[in-house]
Each structure stands twice: as structure tokens, then as C-alpha cells.
Amino acid sequence: MPTRASHLPHYVERTALQKLRDTPGLLAPHLMPAGPKTLSKMVEKTWIALPAGSLVRYCITPEGEAALKAKIPMPRNAQTPPADTLR
């Protein structure tokens, strides 16, 4: 399977972004399965941020919202054929 583009979140990143979209200001333990390394990478990608004055609570950024909404490309051979070709 080809490597996913870096601007598209993988499963663990998507899970954390979805949790933060629903409940901003979560502590790192509530973002599991994302661990410290994943969270630091997400901060580097500017998908999440630590608000001013907070050292432990994360929030999703507009870039994180965009990454979460980005369309995930499907391999050509995995696409379903048009309904009129199925018999």
C-alpha cells in the first residue's frame, strides 16, 4: 500500500482531531491512541495547538479542520464501478 501524503491524517491523527473537534481543550491522555510523539508531530503540522497559558490542553486549529475534511484519494482499482455496469 502506498504511503499516505503528509497533508492527510492517518487513523490515529484523525481520531485525535475528531475528539478535539467535538471537545476542544482535551488533555493528552484523552487523545489516546495518539501518544506524545504523534501529538508533537500534529503540533508541527499546525493541526493542533496548545492555547496561550495552557501547557497540557490541546485544541484543533483551522489547518486541523481542513486536514480532517480533506478527501482521501482511493486507488483506481479499489473504486466501485458505475452502477450501470453491474449486472
C-alpha atoms as a PDB file:
ATOM      1  CA  MET A   1       0.000   0.000   0.000  1.00  0.00           C
ATOM      2  CA  PRO A   2       1.412   3.421  -0.884  1.00  0.00           C
ATOM      3  CA  THR A   3       2.331   5.831   1.879  1.00  0.00           C
ATOM      4  CA  ARG A   4      -0.334   8.419   2.653  1.00  0.00           C
ATOM      5  CA  ALA A   5       0.526  12.019   1.785  1.00  0.00           C
ATOM      6  CA  SER A   6       1.712  14.010   4.810  1.00  0.00           C
ATOM      7  CA  HIS A   7      -1.140  16.529   4.473  1.00  0.00           C
ATOM      8  CA  LEU A   8      -3.666  13.731   5.097  1.00  0.00           C
ATOM      9  CA  PRO A   9      -4.094  12.489   8.664  1.00  0.00           C
ATOM     10  CA  HIS A  10      -3.718   8.779   9.339  1.00  0.00           C
ATOM     11  CA  TYR A  11      -6.080   6.811  11.590  1.00  0.00           C
ATOM     12  CA  VAL A  12      -4.579   7.862  14.943  1.00  0.00           C
ATOM     13  CA  GLU A  13      -4.303  11.518  13.912  1.00  0.00           C
ATOM     14  CA  ARG A  14      -7.895  11.515  12.593  1.00  0.00           C
ATOM     15  CA  THR A  15      -9.136  10.060  15.868  1.00  0.00           C
ATOM     16  CA  ALA A  16      -7.432  12.817  17.875  1.00  0.00           C
ATOM     17  CA  LEU A  17      -8.685  15.549  15.512  1.00  0.00           C
ATOM     18  CA  GLN A  18     -12.250  14.237  15.716  1.00  0.00           C
ATOM     19  CA  LYS A  19     -12.112  14.188  19.516  1.00  0.00           C
ATOM     20  CA  LEU A  20     -10.785  17.753  19.601  1.00  0.00           C
ATOM     21  CA  ARG A  21     -13.424  18.942  17.135  1.00  0.00           C
ATOM     22  CA  ASP A  22     -16.117  17.573  19.440  1.00  0.00           C
ATOM     23  CA  THR A  23     -14.497  18.682  22.716  1.00  0.00           C
ATOM     24  CA  PRO A  24     -11.836  21.425  22.487  1.00  0.00           C
ATOM     25  CA  GLY A  25      -9.286  21.669  25.258  1.00  0.00           C
ATOM     26  CA  LEU A  26      -8.708  17.981  25.928  1.00  0.00           C
ATOM     27  CA  LEU A  27      -5.757  16.700  27.908  1.00  0.00           C
ATOM     28  CA  ALA A  28      -3.250  14.433  26.146  1.00  0.00           C
ATOM     29  CA  PRO A  29      -4.474  11.225  27.889  1.00  0.00           C
ATOM     30  CA  HIS A  30      -7.953  11.825  26.428  1.00  0.00           C
ATOM     31  CA  LEU A  31      -6.497  11.832  22.905  1.00  0.00           C
ATOM     32  CA  MET A  32      -5.397   8.206  23.009  1.00  0.00           C
ATOM     33  CA  PRO A  33      -4.354   6.289  20.951  1.00  0.00           C
ATOM     34  CA  ALA A  34      -2.309   9.374  19.968  1.00  0.00           C
ATOM     35  CA  GLY A  35       0.818   9.428  22.081  1.00  0.00           C
ATOM     36  CA  PRO A  36       3.331  12.202  22.781  1.00  0.00           C
ATOM     37  CA  LYS A  37       5.227  11.693  19.507  1.00  0.00           C
ATOM     38  CA  THR A  38       2.055  11.814  17.393  1.00  0.00           C
ATOM     39  CA  LEU A  39       0.809  14.901  19.235  1.00  0.00           C
ATOM     40  CA  SER A  40       4.127  16.708  18.744  1.00  0.00           C
ATOM     41  CA  LYS A  41       4.016  15.887  15.005  1.00  0.00           C
ATOM     42  CA  MET A  42       0.468  17.243  14.837  1.00  0.00           C
ATOM     43  CA  VAL A  43       1.617  20.456  16.539  1.00  0.00           C
ATOM     44  CA  GLU A  44       4.451  20.705  13.961  1.00  0.00           C
ATOM     45  CA  LYS A  45       1.888  20.295  11.156  1.00  0.00           C
ATOM     46  CA  THR A  46      -0.170  23.068  12.876  1.00  0.00           C
ATOM     47  CA  TRP A  47      -3.215  20.770  13.074  1.00  0.00           C
ATOM     48  CA  ILE A  48      -3.440  21.197  16.841  1.00  0.00           C
ATOM     49  CA  ALA A  49      -2.166  23.832  19.239  1.00  0.00           C
ATOM     50  CA  LEU A  50      -1.644  24.494  22.898  1.00  0.00           C
ATOM     51  CA  PRO A  51      -3.624  27.667  23.654  1.00  0.00           C
ATOM     52  CA  ALA A  52      -1.782  30.529  25.346  1.00  0.00           C
ATOM     53  CA  GLY A  53      -1.349  29.822  29.029  1.00  0.00           C
ATOM     54  CA  SER A  54      -2.028  26.095  28.641  1.00  0.00           C
ATOM     55  CA  LEU A  55       0.747  23.545  28.693  1.00  0.00           C
ATOM     56  CA  VAL A  56      -1.399  20.423  28.620  1.00  0.00           C
ATOM     57  CA  ARG A  57      -4.731  21.124  26.854  1.00  0.00           C
ATOM     58  CA  TYR A  58      -4.890  20.868  23.069  1.00  0.00           C
ATOM     59  CA  CYS A  59      -7.296  22.443  20.596  1.00  0.00           C
ATOM     60  CA  ILE A  60      -7.842  21.861  16.885  1.00  0.00           C
ATOM     61  CA  THR A  61      -6.720  24.627  14.508  1.00  0.00           C
ATOM     62  CA  PRO A  62      -8.266  25.691  11.190  1.00  0.00           C
ATOM     63  CA  GLU A  63      -5.498  23.697   9.473  1.00  0.00           C
ATOM     64  CA  GLY A  64      -6.523  20.650  11.516  1.00  0.00           C
ATOM     65  CA  GLU A  65     -10.151  21.117  10.454  1.00  0.00           C
ATOM     66  CA  ALA A  66      -9.027  21.291   6.813  1.00  0.00           C
ATOM     67  CA  ALA A  67      -6.902  18.137   7.201  1.00  0.00           C
ATOM     68  CA  LEU A  68      -9.848  16.336   8.761  1.00  0.00           C
ATOM     69  CA  LYS A  69     -12.121  17.349   5.871  1.00  0.00           C
ATOM     70  CA  ALA A  70      -9.557  16.587   3.137  1.00  0.00           C
ATOM     71  CA  LYS A  71     -10.674  13.977   0.659  1.00  0.00           C
ATOM     72  CA  ILE A  72      -8.754  10.716   0.926  1.00  0.00           C
ATOM     73  CA  PRO A  73      -7.844   9.502  -2.555  1.00  0.00           C
ATOM     74  CA  MET A  74      -8.808   5.958  -3.393  1.00  0.00           C
ATOM     75  CA  PRO A  75      -6.634   3.742  -5.579  1.00  0.00           C
ATOM     76  CA  ARG A  76      -8.139   3.385  -9.035  1.00  0.00           C
ATOM     77  CA  ASN A  77      -8.603  -0.377  -8.716  1.00  0.00           C
ATOM     78  CA  ALA A  78     -10.443  -0.017  -5.384  1.00  0.00           C
ATOM     79  CA  GLN A  79     -13.191   2.200  -6.766  1.00  0.00           C
ATOM     80  CA  THR A  80     -16.635   0.718  -7.267  1.00  0.00           C
ATOM     81  CA  PRO A  81     -17.643   0.507 -10.928  1.00  0.00           C
ATOM     82  CA  PRO A  82     -20.637   2.601 -12.013  1.00  0.00           C
ATOM     83  CA  ALA A  83     -24.000   1.037 -11.150  1.00  0.00           C
ATOM     84  CA  ASP A  84     -24.985   0.656 -14.813  1.00  0.00           C
ATOM     85  CA  THR A  85     -22.039  -1.718 -15.395  1.00  0.00           C
ATOM     86  CA  LEU A  86     -23.057  -4.085 -12.567  1.00  0.00           C
ATOM     87  CA  ARG A  87     -25.341  -6.957 -13.622  1.00  0.00           C
END
